[in-house]
Amino acid sequence: MSVLKLSQVTLRRGQKEILHSIDWQVEAGERWVILGPNGAGKTTLIQIAATLMHPTSGSAEILDEQLGKVDIFELRPRIGLASAALSDRIPPEERAVDVVMTAAYAVTGRWRELYDLWDESRALALLDQFGVGDRRDQLFYTMSEGERKRVQIARALMPDPELLILDEPAAGLDLGAREDLVRRLSTLALDPASPTSVLVTHHVEEIPFGTTHVLLIREGHIIAAGPIMSTLSPDSLSATFNIPISLAYDGQRWFARA
């Protein structure tokens, strides 16, 4: 089953083409990472995958539904998303457990929704899974950057999504927090019960073990896409970042340097 299928997808803003004739297919059970420099079109690409943006031309099929021919408000609860843009919409005085639970209704900010003990127990289990269970009652805005990132990932998993999208989940983290998060994401990627996933990053060091595929993008064009062990190479990475790069794989992790 194709979880995501983009065919000749182009997106324009004014006279600028941000994505150019993108063909990309994600199958059930795959774990993808998207790599590319700033301005490459990574965030735009996943906004389409998350139904937050429609392409100017081409076809985008998500979970067997075509954008433009489906009620996106029925489709969105089947997609888990963690991103900086989403974080900005969370009320700062929301408790961590409520940040996670409100994902069951695909809303940010608890209001009049009704939750039961199952909702709360699932939210707490997910907070525990990402090491912030003891912060359940802490206000979101008082948490550290690393803690907020973990709460967002727990939120993305709350509705038991079929597609999980993580936009730069390790951005802004210190070394210790990054390594702990990558370890937890590796555990998630290796779990066959976990949803099909797409993770966006600038850095190969942030690729979790268990990632199966990579998409390399530059200036709105796909440089390469396919199984990670055969697609991610010094040549493909150098072409993506437009600088000679050496690449190493050691201890189930990737490392790169100019």
Protein backbone atom coordinates (compact mmCIF):
# COMPACT_ATOMS: atom_id res chain seq x y z
CA MET A 1 0.00 0.00 0.00
CA SER A 2 1.27 3.46 -0.90
CA VAL A 3 0.95 5.73 2.11
CA LEU A 4 2.10 8.74 0.07
CA LYS A 5 2.32 9.20 -3.68
CA LEU A 6 3.30 12.47 -5.33
CA SER A 7 3.17 12.61 -9.11
CA GLN A 8 4.65 15.58 -11.00
CA VAL A 9 3.95 17.83 -8.02
CA THR A 10 4.86 21.47 -8.58
CA LEU A 11 4.26 24.32 -6.16
CA ARG A 12 4.56 27.99 -7.06
CA ARG A 13 4.44 31.14 -4.99
CA GLY A 14 4.09 34.09 -7.31
CA GLN A 15 6.72 33.68 -10.00
CA LYS A 16 8.86 31.35 -7.87
CA GLU A 17 8.68 27.58 -8.20
CA ILE A 18 9.42 26.05 -4.79
CA LEU A 19 8.93 22.44 -5.90
CA HIS A 20 9.56 21.22 -9.44
CA SER A 21 7.76 18.15 -10.84
CA ILE A 22 8.29 15.99 -7.75
CA ASP A 23 7.71 12.23 -8.09
CA TRP A 24 7.91 10.44 -4.74
CA GLN A 25 6.29 7.34 -3.31
CA VAL A 26 6.30 6.07 0.28
CA GLU A 27 5.12 2.54 1.00
CA ALA A 28 3.62 1.25 4.24
CA GLY A 29 6.21 0.36 6.86
CA GLU A 30 9.00 2.48 5.38
CA ARG A 31 10.96 5.01 7.44
CA TRP A 32 12.15 7.93 5.32
CA VAL A 33 14.51 10.79 6.03
CA ILE A 34 14.53 13.96 3.91
CA LEU A 35 17.86 15.80 3.67
CA GLY A 36 18.63 19.12 2.06
CA PRO A 37 19.98 22.63 2.68
CA ASN A 38 17.95 25.61 3.81
CA GLY A 39 15.49 26.69 1.13
CA ALA A 40 15.55 23.31 -0.60
CA GLY A 41 11.78 22.82 -0.31
CA LYS A 42 11.79 20.25 2.52
CA THR A 43 9.17 21.96 4.66
CA THR A 44 6.95 22.68 1.66
CA LEU A 45 7.15 19.02 0.66
CA ILE A 46 6.03 17.77 4.06
CA GLN A 47 3.31 20.42 4.31
CA ILE A 48 1.79 18.82 1.23
CA ALA A 49 2.24 15.37 2.77
CA ALA A 50 0.51 16.64 5.93
CA THR A 51 -2.42 18.10 3.88
CA LEU A 52 -1.53 21.64 5.03
CA MET A 53 -0.81 22.79 1.48
CA HIS A 54 -2.06 21.82 -1.97
CA PRO A 55 0.26 21.61 -4.99
CA THR A 56 -0.14 24.11 -7.81
CA SER A 57 -0.12 21.22 -10.27
CA GLY A 58 0.33 17.47 -10.18
CA SER A 59 -1.30 14.84 -8.01
CA ALA A 60 -0.83 14.18 -4.27
CA GLU A 61 -2.32 10.97 -2.89
CA ILE A 62 -2.13 10.53 0.87
CA LEU A 63 -3.42 7.35 2.55
CA ASP A 64 -5.23 6.44 -0.67
CA GLU A 65 -7.00 9.81 -0.79
CA GLN A 66 -6.27 12.51 -3.36
CA LEU A 67 -5.83 16.11 -2.23
CA GLY A 68 -8.57 18.22 -3.72
CA LYS A 69 -11.02 15.31 -3.71
CA VAL A 70 -11.16 14.51 0.01
CA ASP A 71 -12.27 16.24 3.20
CA ILE A 72 -8.87 17.07 4.68
CA PHE A 73 -10.38 17.42 8.15
CA GLU A 74 -11.24 13.73 8.04
CA LEU A 75 -7.79 12.85 6.67
CA ARG A 76 -5.64 14.90 9.06
CA PRO A 77 -6.35 12.82 12.20
CA ARG A 78 -4.73 9.87 10.38
CA ILE A 79 -1.47 11.86 10.12
CA GLY A 80 0.79 12.65 13.08
CA LEU A 81 2.80 15.85 12.71
CA ALA A 82 5.47 17.49 14.86
CA SER A 83 6.86 20.78 13.59
CA ALA A 84 7.96 24.21 14.76
CA ALA A 85 4.91 25.76 13.11
CA LEU A 86 2.61 23.46 15.08
CA SER A 87 4.46 24.24 18.30
CA ASP A 88 3.80 27.95 17.77
CA ARG A 89 0.04 27.26 17.78
CA ILE A 90 0.03 25.47 21.14
CA PRO A 91 -1.25 27.72 23.96
CA PRO A 92 1.79 28.43 26.15
CA GLU A 93 -0.08 27.70 29.39
CA GLU A 94 -1.30 24.30 28.23
CA ARG A 95 -0.16 21.38 30.41
CA ALA A 96 2.07 18.81 28.72
CA VAL A 97 -0.52 16.03 29.09
CA ASP A 98 -3.18 18.23 27.48
CA VAL A 99 -0.86 19.13 24.60
CA VAL A 100 -0.72 15.41 23.84
CA MET A 101 -4.38 14.57 24.50
CA THR A 102 -5.82 17.32 22.28
CA ALA A 103 -4.25 15.56 19.28
CA ALA A 104 -7.07 13.02 19.58
CA TYR A 105 -9.36 15.78 18.24
CA ALA A 106 -6.71 17.32 15.95
CA VAL A 107 -6.90 20.60 17.88
CA THR A 108 -4.43 22.70 19.86
CA GLY A 109 -5.66 24.04 23.17
CA ARG A 110 -8.07 22.14 25.39
CA TRP A 111 -11.58 23.55 25.37
CA ARG A 112 -14.84 21.54 25.53
CA GLU A 113 -13.66 18.19 24.20
CA LEU A 114 -14.44 15.12 26.28
CA TYR A 115 -11.59 12.77 27.18
CA ASP A 116 -11.77 9.50 29.06
CA LEU A 117 -9.29 7.51 31.13
CA TRP A 118 -8.04 5.72 28.00
CA ASP A 119 -7.09 9.06 26.42
CA GLU A 120 -5.22 10.15 29.52
CA SER A 121 -3.47 6.82 30.02
CA ARG A 122 -2.32 6.78 26.37
CA ALA A 123 -1.04 10.35 26.62
CA LEU A 124 0.88 9.52 29.80
CA ALA A 125 2.35 6.36 28.26
CA LEU A 126 3.60 8.35 25.27
CA LEU A 127 5.11 11.03 27.52
CA ASP A 128 6.87 8.23 29.41
CA GLN A 129 8.09 6.70 26.14
CA PHE A 130 9.87 9.95 25.31
CA GLY A 131 11.23 10.58 28.78
CA VAL A 132 8.94 13.41 29.92
CA GLY A 133 6.31 11.49 31.87
CA ASP A 134 7.34 13.28 35.06
CA ARG A 135 6.53 16.60 33.34
CA ARG A 136 2.87 15.74 32.70
CA ASP A 137 1.49 18.78 34.59
CA GLN A 138 4.20 21.24 33.59
CA LEU A 139 3.14 24.18 31.44
CA PHE A 140 4.36 23.85 27.88
CA TYR A 141 6.03 27.27 27.75
CA THR A 142 8.09 26.55 30.88
CA MET A 143 9.62 23.39 29.41
CA SER A 144 13.08 23.27 27.84
CA GLU A 145 13.42 23.09 24.06
CA GLY A 146 14.27 19.40 24.28
CA GLU A 147 11.27 18.66 26.49
CA ARG A 148 8.92 20.53 24.16
CA LYS A 149 10.26 18.53 21.19
CA ARG A 150 9.51 15.28 23.01
CA VAL A 151 6.02 16.40 23.98
CA GLN A 152 5.33 17.26 20.34
CA ILE A 153 6.40 13.80 19.17
CA ALA A 154 4.21 12.20 21.83
CA ARG A 155 1.36 14.38 20.57
CA ALA A 156 2.00 13.31 16.98
CA LEU A 157 1.64 9.66 18.04
CA MET A 158 -1.46 10.20 20.18
CA PRO A 159 -4.11 9.50 17.47
CA ASP A 160 -2.29 6.28 16.44
CA PRO A 161 -1.54 7.74 12.99
CA GLU A 162 -0.90 5.82 9.82
CA LEU A 163 1.70 8.39 8.74
CA LEU A 164 4.10 10.14 11.14
CA ILE A 165 5.86 13.33 9.98
CA LEU A 166 8.64 14.87 12.08
CA ASP A 167 10.03 18.19 10.87
CA GLU A 168 13.54 18.72 12.29
CA PRO A 169 12.79 17.11 15.67
CA ALA A 170 16.38 17.59 16.90
CA ALA A 171 16.79 21.23 15.81
CA GLY A 172 18.05 23.46 18.60
CA LEU A 173 18.96 20.62 20.96
CA ASP A 174 22.26 20.33 22.78
CA LEU A 175 24.43 17.25 22.20
CA GLY A 176 23.06 15.23 25.10
CA ALA A 177 19.44 15.99 24.30
CA ARG A 178 19.99 15.25 20.62
CA GLU A 179 21.60 11.90 21.28
CA ASP A 180 18.87 10.87 23.70
CA LEU A 181 16.17 11.85 21.20
CA VAL A 182 17.87 10.04 18.30
CA ARG A 183 18.06 6.92 20.47
CA ARG A 184 14.34 7.09 21.23
CA LEU A 185 13.51 7.72 17.57
CA SER A 186 15.64 4.71 16.64
CA THR A 187 13.59 2.54 19.01
CA LEU A 188 10.45 3.86 17.35
CA ALA A 189 11.79 3.25 13.83
CA LEU A 190 12.75 -0.33 14.66
CA ASP A 191 9.31 -1.15 16.06
CA PRO A 192 7.27 -2.87 13.30
CA ALA A 193 4.08 -1.61 14.95
CA SER A 194 5.16 2.02 14.51
CA PRO A 195 3.56 4.06 11.72
CA THR A 196 5.19 4.75 8.38
CA SER A 197 7.37 7.81 9.00
CA VAL A 198 9.03 10.77 7.31
CA LEU A 199 11.68 12.75 9.20
CA VAL A 200 13.23 16.00 7.97
CA THR A 201 16.73 17.10 8.98
CA HIS A 202 19.79 19.01 7.77
CA HIS A 203 22.24 16.64 9.44
CA VAL A 204 23.03 12.99 8.71
CA GLU A 205 24.08 12.60 12.36
CA GLU A 206 20.40 12.96 13.29
CA ILE A 207 19.25 10.01 11.18
CA PRO A 208 17.83 7.35 13.53
CA PHE A 209 18.98 3.77 13.19
CA GLY A 210 16.15 1.87 11.51
CA THR A 211 15.66 4.49 8.78
CA THR A 212 15.06 2.60 5.52
CA HIS A 213 14.96 5.28 2.80
CA VAL A 214 16.34 8.72 2.04
CA LEU A 215 15.21 11.59 -0.20
CA LEU A 216 17.78 14.27 -1.07
CA ILE A 217 16.42 17.59 -2.30
CA ARG A 218 17.99 20.83 -3.51
CA GLU A 219 16.27 23.95 -4.89
CA GLY A 220 12.98 22.11 -5.24
CA HIS A 221 14.47 19.23 -7.25
CA ILE A 222 14.99 15.67 -6.05
CA ILE A 223 18.69 14.83 -6.29
CA ALA A 224 18.22 11.18 -5.29
CA ALA A 225 15.66 8.97 -3.54
CA GLY A 226 15.65 5.33 -2.55
CA PRO A 227 16.94 2.79 0.00
CA ILE A 228 19.29 4.64 2.33
CA MET A 229 22.26 2.26 2.20
CA SER A 230 22.50 2.49 -1.59
CA THR A 231 21.30 6.07 -2.10
CA LEU A 232 23.05 8.09 0.60
CA SER A 233 26.64 8.49 -0.60
CA PRO A 234 29.39 11.12 -0.67
CA ASP A 235 28.44 11.97 -4.27
CA SER A 236 24.71 12.34 -3.64
CA LEU A 237 25.27 14.31 -0.44
CA SER A 238 27.85 16.57 -2.11
CA ALA A 239 25.43 17.28 -4.97
CA THR A 240 22.67 18.07 -2.48
CA PHE A 241 24.68 20.55 -0.41
CA ASN A 242 26.86 21.78 -3.30
CA ILE A 243 30.10 21.15 -1.42
CA PRO A 244 32.50 18.17 -1.38
CA ILE A 245 31.47 16.00 1.56
CA SER A 246 32.95 12.83 3.01
CA LEU A 247 30.50 10.38 4.55
CA ALA A 248 30.95 7.55 7.03
CA TYR A 249 28.67 4.94 8.57
CA ASP A 250 29.82 3.57 11.90
CA GLY A 251 28.02 2.07 14.87
CA GLN A 252 24.66 2.25 13.08
CA ARG A 253 25.02 6.04 12.67
CA TRP A 254 25.98 8.36 9.81
CA PHE A 255 28.66 11.06 9.99
CA ALA A 256 29.58 13.74 7.44
CA ARG A 257 32.16 16.48 7.07
CA ALA A 258 33.29 18.85 4.37
